[in-house]
Amino acid sequence: MDLVNTALTSLLSVAALYVMTKLMGHKQMSQLDFFDYVSGITIGSIAAELATELEAPLKPLIALGVYCLVSLTLSALCGKYPRARKYINGTPSILMAEGRLYRKNLKKAKLDLSDFLMMCRMAGYFDLSAIKYAVYEYNGRMSFMPAEGARPATMADLSLTPPDEGLFVELIMDGRILGENLGRIGLSEKWLKDRLRQQGYSSPKKIFLGLCDNKKNLTLYPTDIP
């Protein structure tokens, strides 16, 4: 009976986590701020306790609800009152500007020079003179603005006007024709099959992925059959 109860409370835990994730939204791990990180650890711990709590599963469930409510409240505050964000999440710190390193801000960010140099190298900057600004974001990531001489040339710098490539539309996925996408861009299944034959494919089942651009150019990636 205990095994059945454990299975049921585990399902309840999974359902509660799913609902809260939908309510709170989800971020990539590298984009978590301090409170998101702490909440994630705590909510995971409470959910694990809920899965094995057989006598009073309501207590950890209420705790999960409280953490979810607090996260939603803080998120709403940051959205409605942008100034509150700096008290809840913190503010970015300028660590380097126009050739000058700010020792005070490095200390405030809990970074030593070795950490800073490592983050620069990971971003591709082995020469600090190639960096104009280095900003330590509140989520722990570093943003860089390259110096003028180290900035890659853009089309505007070269006075060039690139063609509008538009978006690629998936017409075949895993051997299956996506009729809805065909209709959305004004093409027919006959047109697609004709293009397949022109490229030497007798059936869409031989295609793993087929993409079409706004000029009706079809790019095919055949299925890799061992």
C-alpha atoms as a PDB file:
ATOM      1  CA  MET A   1       0.000   0.000   0.000  1.00  0.00           C
ATOM      2  CA  ASP A   2       2.882   2.356   0.770  1.00  0.00           C
ATOM      3  CA  LEU A   3       4.277   1.763  -2.720  1.00  0.00           C
ATOM      4  CA  VAL A   4       0.944   2.719  -4.278  1.00  0.00           C
ATOM      5  CA  ASN A   5       0.727   5.851  -2.126  1.00  0.00           C
ATOM      6  CA  THR A   6       4.306   6.796  -3.099  1.00  0.00           C
ATOM      7  CA  ALA A   7       3.425   6.404  -6.777  1.00  0.00           C
ATOM      8  CA  LEU A   8       0.322   8.558  -6.366  1.00  0.00           C
ATOM      9  CA  THR A   9       2.115  11.319  -4.441  1.00  0.00           C
ATOM     10  CA  SER A  10       4.901  11.253  -7.055  1.00  0.00           C
ATOM     11  CA  LEU A  11       2.339  11.816  -9.790  1.00  0.00           C
ATOM     12  CA  LEU A  12       0.867  14.647  -7.734  1.00  0.00           C
ATOM     13  CA  SER A  13       4.349  16.160  -7.410  1.00  0.00           C
ATOM     14  CA  VAL A  14       4.933  15.989 -11.176  1.00  0.00           C
ATOM     15  CA  ALA A  15       1.530  17.534 -11.870  1.00  0.00           C
ATOM     16  CA  ALA A  16       2.156  20.353  -9.387  1.00  0.00           C
ATOM     17  CA  LEU A  17       5.580  21.121 -10.913  1.00  0.00           C
ATOM     18  CA  TYR A  18       4.090  21.106 -14.420  1.00  0.00           C
ATOM     19  CA  VAL A  19       1.328  23.547 -13.476  1.00  0.00           C
ATOM     20  CA  MET A  20       3.734  25.877 -11.664  1.00  0.00           C
ATOM     21  CA  THR A  21       6.202  25.846 -14.552  1.00  0.00           C
ATOM     22  CA  LYS A  22       3.414  26.859 -16.908  1.00  0.00           C
ATOM     23  CA  LEU A  23       2.356  29.649 -14.553  1.00  0.00           C
ATOM     24  CA  MET A  24       5.834  30.940 -13.778  1.00  0.00           C
ATOM     25  CA  GLY A  25       7.276  30.566 -17.271  1.00  0.00           C
ATOM     26  CA  HIS A  26      10.623  28.969 -17.982  1.00  0.00           C
ATOM     27  CA  LYS A  27      14.081  30.329 -18.721  1.00  0.00           C
ATOM     28  CA  GLN A  28      17.295  28.838 -19.960  1.00  0.00           C
ATOM     29  CA  MET A  29      19.615  27.915 -17.126  1.00  0.00           C
ATOM     30  CA  SER A  30      22.129  30.578 -18.204  1.00  0.00           C
ATOM     31  CA  GLN A  31      19.396  33.228 -17.945  1.00  0.00           C
ATOM     32  CA  LEU A  32      18.285  32.485 -14.394  1.00  0.00           C
ATOM     33  CA  ASP A  33      18.655  35.355 -11.966  1.00  0.00           C
ATOM     34  CA  PHE A  34      19.455  34.863  -8.291  1.00  0.00           C
ATOM     35  CA  PHE A  35      15.877  34.453  -7.071  1.00  0.00           C
ATOM     36  CA  ASP A  36      14.972  32.096  -9.935  1.00  0.00           C
ATOM     37  CA  TYR A  37      17.976  29.951  -9.079  1.00  0.00           C
ATOM     38  CA  VAL A  38      17.135  29.785  -5.367  1.00  0.00           C
ATOM     39  CA  SER A  39      13.447  29.156  -6.084  1.00  0.00           C
ATOM     40  CA  GLY A  40      14.288  26.381  -8.535  1.00  0.00           C
ATOM     41  CA  ILE A  41      16.440  24.554  -5.989  1.00  0.00           C
ATOM     42  CA  THR A  42      13.875  24.970  -3.213  1.00  0.00           C
ATOM     43  CA  ILE A  43      10.887  24.005  -5.339  1.00  0.00           C
ATOM     44  CA  GLY A  44      12.737  20.901  -6.557  1.00  0.00           C
ATOM     45  CA  SER A  45      13.530  19.933  -2.962  1.00  0.00           C
ATOM     46  CA  ILE A  46       9.930  20.434  -1.850  1.00  0.00           C
ATOM     47  CA  ALA A  47       8.643  18.483  -4.864  1.00  0.00           C
ATOM     48  CA  ALA A  48      10.918  15.564  -3.935  1.00  0.00           C
ATOM     49  CA  GLU A  49       9.563  15.674  -0.378  1.00  0.00           C
ATOM     50  CA  LEU A  50       6.007  15.757  -1.724  1.00  0.00           C
ATOM     51  CA  ALA A  51       6.681  12.623  -3.773  1.00  0.00           C
ATOM     52  CA  THR A  52       7.583  10.630  -0.663  1.00  0.00           C
ATOM     53  CA  GLU A  53       5.346  12.301   1.921  1.00  0.00           C
ATOM     54  CA  LEU A  54       2.622   9.749   2.590  1.00  0.00           C
ATOM     55  CA  GLU A  55       1.081  11.054   5.804  1.00  0.00           C
ATOM     56  CA  ALA A  56       0.566  14.746   5.045  1.00  0.00           C
ATOM     57  CA  PRO A  57       1.182  15.512   1.335  1.00  0.00           C
ATOM     58  CA  LEU A  58      -0.843  18.721   1.648  1.00  0.00           C
ATOM     59  CA  LYS A  59       1.936  20.511   3.584  1.00  0.00           C
ATOM     60  CA  PRO A  60       4.636  20.371   0.855  1.00  0.00           C
ATOM     61  CA  LEU A  61       1.942  21.101  -1.748  1.00  0.00           C
ATOM     62  CA  ILE A  62       1.039  24.322   0.096  1.00  0.00           C
ATOM     63  CA  ALA A  63       4.744  25.196   0.309  1.00  0.00           C
ATOM     64  CA  LEU A  64       5.045  24.746  -3.456  1.00  0.00           C
ATOM     65  CA  GLY A  65       2.063  27.034  -3.946  1.00  0.00           C
ATOM     66  CA  VAL A  66       3.630  29.704  -1.714  1.00  0.00           C
ATOM     67  CA  TYR A  67       6.896  29.694  -3.700  1.00  0.00           C
ATOM     68  CA  CYS A  68       4.951  29.869  -6.946  1.00  0.00           C
ATOM     69  CA  LEU A  69       2.889  32.810  -5.635  1.00  0.00           C
ATOM     70  CA  VAL A  70       5.997  34.678  -4.479  1.00  0.00           C
ATOM     71  CA  SER A  71       7.703  34.170  -7.849  1.00  0.00           C
ATOM     72  CA  LEU A  72       4.634  35.383  -9.726  1.00  0.00           C
ATOM     73  CA  THR A  73       4.337  38.415  -7.429  1.00  0.00           C
ATOM     74  CA  LEU A  74       7.986  39.402  -7.883  1.00  0.00           C
ATOM     75  CA  SER A  75       7.714  38.924 -11.640  1.00  0.00           C
ATOM     76  CA  ALA A  76       4.637  41.159 -11.731  1.00  0.00           C
ATOM     77  CA  LEU A  77       6.413  43.803  -9.625  1.00  0.00           C
ATOM     78  CA  CYS A  78       9.406  43.832 -11.981  1.00  0.00           C
ATOM     79  CA  GLY A  79       7.086  44.179 -14.963  1.00  0.00           C
ATOM     80  CA  LYS A  80       4.984  46.979 -13.489  1.00  0.00           C
ATOM     81  CA  TYR A  81       7.731  48.809 -11.612  1.00  0.00           C
ATOM     82  CA  PRO A  82      11.025  48.551 -13.549  1.00  0.00           C
ATOM     83  CA  ARG A  83      12.898  50.247 -10.696  1.00  0.00           C
ATOM     84  CA  ALA A  84      12.039  47.305  -8.444  1.00  0.00           C
ATOM     85  CA  ARG A  85      14.110  45.041 -10.691  1.00  0.00           C
ATOM     86  CA  LYS A  86      17.396  46.420  -9.396  1.00  0.00           C
ATOM     87  CA  TYR A  87      16.424  45.571  -5.797  1.00  0.00           C
ATOM     88  CA  ILE A  88      15.159  42.082  -6.676  1.00  0.00           C
ATOM     89  CA  ASN A  89      17.555  40.978  -9.424  1.00  0.00           C
ATOM     90  CA  GLY A  90      20.398  43.440  -9.092  1.00  0.00           C
ATOM     91  CA  THR A  91      21.914  45.707 -11.755  1.00  0.00           C
ATOM     92  CA  PRO A  92      24.586  45.244 -14.436  1.00  0.00           C
ATOM     93  CA  SER A  93      28.125  46.356 -13.546  1.00  0.00           C
ATOM     94  CA  ILE A  94      30.636  47.893 -15.931  1.00  0.00           C
ATOM     95  CA  LEU A  95      33.889  45.991 -15.410  1.00  0.00           C
ATOM     96  CA  MET A  96      35.859  47.555 -18.228  1.00  0.00           C
ATOM     97  CA  ALA A  97      35.373  50.747 -20.224  1.00  0.00           C
ATOM     98  CA  GLU A  98      37.645  52.208 -22.907  1.00  0.00           C
ATOM     99  CA  GLY A  99      40.785  50.472 -21.704  1.00  0.00           C
ATOM    100  CA  ARG A 100      40.165  50.931 -17.978  1.00  0.00           C
ATOM    101  CA  LEU A 101      39.401  48.100 -15.546  1.00  0.00           C
ATOM    102  CA  TYR A 102      37.169  48.899 -12.585  1.00  0.00           C
ATOM    103  CA  ARG A 103      38.591  47.048  -9.607  1.00  0.00           C
ATOM    104  CA  LYS A 104      35.717  48.096  -7.315  1.00  0.00           C
ATOM    105  CA  ASN A 105      33.103  46.666  -9.678  1.00  0.00           C
ATOM    106  CA  LEU A 106      35.088  43.448 -10.105  1.00  0.00           C
ATOM    107  CA  LYS A 107      35.111  43.039  -6.354  1.00  0.00           C
ATOM    108  CA  LYS A 108      31.393  43.828  -6.158  1.00  0.00           C
ATOM    109  CA  ALA A 109      30.697  41.146  -8.795  1.00  0.00           C
ATOM    110  CA  LYS A 110      32.771  38.614  -6.796  1.00  0.00           C
ATOM    111  CA  LEU A 111      35.182  38.187  -9.726  1.00  0.00           C
ATOM    112  CA  ASP A 112      38.954  38.183  -9.610  1.00  0.00           C
ATOM    113  CA  LEU A 113      41.145  38.986 -12.606  1.00  0.00           C
ATOM    114  CA  SER A 114      41.569  35.306 -13.478  1.00  0.00           C
ATOM    115  CA  ASP A 115      37.788  34.857 -13.707  1.00  0.00           C
ATOM    116  CA  PHE A 116      37.448  38.015 -15.782  1.00  0.00           C
ATOM    117  CA  LEU A 117      40.196  36.992 -18.202  1.00  0.00           C
ATOM    118  CA  MET A 118      38.697  33.513 -18.546  1.00  0.00           C
ATOM    119  CA  MET A 119      35.300  34.993 -19.467  1.00  0.00           C
ATOM    120  CA  CYS A 120      36.992  37.255 -22.004  1.00  0.00           C
ATOM    121  CA  ARG A 121      38.776  34.305 -23.598  1.00  0.00           C
ATOM    122  CA  MET A 122      35.569  32.262 -23.706  1.00  0.00           C
ATOM    123  CA  ALA A 123      33.971  35.132 -25.647  1.00  0.00           C
ATOM    124  CA  GLY A 124      36.917  35.148 -28.071  1.00  0.00           C
ATOM    125  CA  TYR A 125      38.793  38.137 -26.650  1.00  0.00           C
ATOM    126  CA  PHE A 126      42.406  37.161 -25.921  1.00  0.00           C
ATOM    127  CA  ASP A 127      43.542  40.769 -26.344  1.00  0.00           C
ATOM    128  CA  LEU A 128      41.875  43.173 -23.901  1.00  0.00           C
ATOM    129  CA  SER A 129      42.587  46.095 -26.208  1.00  0.00           C
ATOM    130  CA  ALA A 130      39.949  44.618 -28.543  1.00  0.00           C
ATOM    131  CA  ILE A 131      37.275  45.296 -25.877  1.00  0.00           C
ATOM    132  CA  LYS A 132      35.647  48.707 -25.526  1.00  0.00           C
ATOM    133  CA  TYR A 133      33.114  47.822 -22.833  1.00  0.00           C
ATOM    134  CA  ALA A 134      32.655  44.727 -20.663  1.00  0.00           C
ATOM    135  CA  VAL A 135      29.409  44.574 -18.680  1.00  0.00           C
ATOM    136  CA  TYR A 136      28.639  41.936 -16.066  1.00  0.00           C
ATOM    137  CA  GLU A 137      24.888  41.259 -16.266  1.00  0.00           C
ATOM    138  CA  TYR A 138      22.761  40.490 -13.223  1.00  0.00           C
ATOM    139  CA  ASN A 139      22.259  36.883 -14.393  1.00  0.00           C
ATOM    140  CA  GLY A 140      25.999  36.183 -14.270  1.00  0.00           C
ATOM    141  CA  ARG A 141      26.736  36.506 -17.976  1.00  0.00           C
ATOM    142  CA  MET A 142      29.224  38.908 -19.533  1.00  0.00           C
ATOM    143  CA  SER A 143      28.377  41.248 -22.404  1.00  0.00           C
ATOM    144  CA  PHE A 144      31.095  42.775 -24.574  1.00  0.00           C
ATOM    145  CA  MET A 145      31.238  45.690 -26.971  1.00  0.00           C
ATOM    146  CA  PRO A 146      34.270  45.343 -29.243  1.00  0.00           C
ATOM    147  CA  ALA A 147      36.553  48.284 -29.921  1.00  0.00           C
ATOM    148  CA  GLU A 148      36.047  50.036 -33.253  1.00  0.00           C
ATOM    149  CA  GLY A 149      39.116  48.430 -34.817  1.00  0.00           C
ATOM    150  CA  ALA A 150      38.104  44.950 -33.680  1.00  0.00           C
ATOM    151  CA  ARG A 151      34.450  45.177 -34.713  1.00  0.00           C
ATOM    152  CA  PRO A 152      33.539  42.991 -37.705  1.00  0.00           C
ATOM    153  CA  ALA A 153      32.664  44.949 -40.831  1.00  0.00           C
ATOM    154  CA  THR A 154      28.950  45.108 -41.576  1.00  0.00           C
ATOM    155  CA  MET A 155      27.101  45.484 -44.866  1.00  0.00           C
ATOM    156  CA  ALA A 156      26.431  49.110 -43.960  1.00  0.00           C
ATOM    157  CA  ASP A 157      30.172  49.725 -43.446  1.00  0.00           C
ATOM    158  CA  LEU A 158      30.827  48.383 -46.956  1.00  0.00           C
ATOM    159  CA  SER A 159      27.865  50.329 -48.439  1.00  0.00           C
ATOM    160  CA  LEU A 160      26.259  47.080 -49.559  1.00  0.00           C
ATOM    161  CA  THR A 161      22.578  46.190 -49.570  1.00  0.00           C
ATOM    162  CA  PRO A 162      22.084  42.476 -48.867  1.00  0.00           C
ATOM    163  CA  PRO A 163      19.157  40.724 -50.539  1.00  0.00           C
ATOM    164  CA  ASP A 164      16.125  39.934 -48.437  1.00  0.00           C
ATOM    165  CA  GLU A 165      16.400  36.201 -47.832  1.00  0.00           C
ATOM    166  CA  GLY A 166      13.163  35.894 -45.887  1.00  0.00           C
ATOM    167  CA  LEU A 167      12.261  32.845 -43.852  1.00  0.00           C
ATOM    168  CA  PHE A 168      12.635  29.198 -44.758  1.00  0.00           C
ATOM    169  CA  VAL A 169       9.485  27.097 -44.564  1.00  0.00           C
ATOM    170  CA  GLU A 170       9.541  23.385 -43.769  1.00  0.00           C
ATOM    171  CA  LEU A 171       7.744  21.447 -46.502  1.00  0.00           C
ATOM    172  CA  ILE A 172       8.971  17.942 -45.658  1.00  0.00           C
ATOM    173  CA  MET A 173       9.849  16.612 -42.246  1.00  0.00           C
ATOM    174  CA  ASP A 174      10.950  13.022 -41.668  1.00  0.00           C
ATOM    175  CA  GLY A 175       9.533  11.867 -45.002  1.00  0.00           C
ATOM    176  CA  ARG A 176       6.142  13.531 -44.484  1.00  0.00           C
ATOM    177  CA  ILE A 177       4.787  16.382 -46.632  1.00  0.00           C
ATOM    178  CA  LEU A 178       3.480  19.301 -44.574  1.00  0.00           C
ATOM    179  CA  GLY A 179       0.409  20.252 -46.559  1.00  0.00           C
ATOM    180  CA  GLU A 180      -0.519  23.167 -44.330  1.00  0.00           C
ATOM    181  CA  ASN A 181       2.847  24.857 -44.924  1.00  0.00           C
ATOM    182  CA  LEU A 182       2.553  24.237 -48.669  1.00  0.00           C
ATOM    183  CA  GLY A 183      -0.812  25.973 -48.759  1.00  0.00           C
ATOM    184  CA  ARG A 184       0.429  28.856 -46.623  1.00  0.00           C
ATOM    185  CA  ILE A 185       3.037  29.846 -49.214  1.00  0.00           C
ATOM    186  CA  GLY A 186       0.773  29.154 -52.185  1.00  0.00           C
ATOM    187  CA  LEU A 187       2.327  25.924 -53.421  1.00  0.00           C
ATOM    188  CA  SER A 188       0.799  22.558 -54.282  1.00  0.00           C
ATOM    189  CA  GLU A 189       1.794  19.001 -53.556  1.00  0.00           C
ATOM    190  CA  LYS A 190       2.222  18.462 -57.317  1.00  0.00           C
ATOM    191  CA  TRP A 191       4.767  21.307 -57.449  1.00  0.00           C
ATOM    192  CA  LEU A 192       6.699  19.732 -54.596  1.00  0.00           C
ATOM    193  CA  LYS A 193       6.757  16.263 -56.147  1.00  0.00           C
ATOM    194  CA  ASP A 194       7.912  17.730 -59.466  1.00  0.00           C
ATOM    195  CA  ARG A 195      10.802  19.464 -57.675  1.00  0.00           C
ATOM    196  CA  LEU A 196      11.661  16.224 -55.906  1.00  0.00           C
ATOM    197  CA  ARG A 197      11.887  14.357 -59.221  1.00  0.00           C
ATOM    198  CA  GLN A 198      14.035  17.132 -60.676  1.00  0.00           C
ATOM    199  CA  GLN A 199      16.518  16.593 -57.848  1.00  0.00           C
ATOM    200  CA  GLY A 200      16.475  12.821 -58.281  1.00  0.00           C
ATOM    201  CA  TYR A 201      14.094  11.738 -55.516  1.00  0.00           C
ATOM    202  CA  SER A 202      11.133   9.525 -56.345  1.00  0.00           C
ATOM    203  CA  SER A 203       9.335   9.932 -53.027  1.00  0.00           C
ATOM    204  CA  PRO A 204       9.218  12.396 -50.101  1.00  0.00           C
ATOM    205  CA  LYS A 205       9.882   9.404 -47.839  1.00  0.00           C
ATOM    206  CA  LYS A 206      13.503   9.597 -48.940  1.00  0.00           C
ATOM    207  CA  ILE A 207      13.765  13.160 -47.555  1.00  0.00           C
ATOM    208  CA  PHE A 208      14.523  13.842 -43.915  1.00  0.00           C
ATOM    209  CA  LEU A 209      14.038  17.620 -44.188  1.00  0.00           C
ATOM    210  CA  GLY A 210      12.904  19.847 -47.051  1.00  0.00           C
ATOM    211  CA  LEU A 211      13.080  23.652 -46.823  1.00  0.00           C
ATOM    212  CA  CYS A 212      11.769  26.298 -49.212  1.00  0.00           C
ATOM    213  CA  ASP A 213      12.771  29.983 -49.288  1.00  0.00           C
ATOM    214  CA  ASN A 214      10.741  32.969 -50.470  1.00  0.00           C
ATOM    215  CA  LYS A 215      12.112  32.524 -54.016  1.00  0.00           C
ATOM    216  CA  LYS A 216      10.714  28.997 -54.178  1.00  0.00           C
ATOM    217  CA  ASN A 217      14.169  27.411 -53.975  1.00  0.00           C
ATOM    218  CA  LEU A 218      13.908  23.939 -52.456  1.00  0.00           C
ATOM    219  CA  THR A 219      16.717  22.616 -50.258  1.00  0.00           C
ATOM    220  CA  LEU A 220      16.589  18.920 -49.481  1.00  0.00           C
ATOM    221  CA  TYR A 221      18.336  16.846 -46.819  1.00  0.00           C
ATOM    222  CA  PRO A 222      17.920  13.143 -47.652  1.00  0.00           C
ATOM    223  CA  THR A 223      17.245  10.493 -45.066  1.00  0.00           C
ATOM    224  CA  ASP A 224      20.439   8.834 -43.910  1.00  0.00           C
ATOM    225  CA  ILE A 225      19.681   5.151 -44.310  1.00  0.00           C
ATOM    226  CA  PRO A 226      22.526   2.853 -43.158  1.00  0.00           C
END
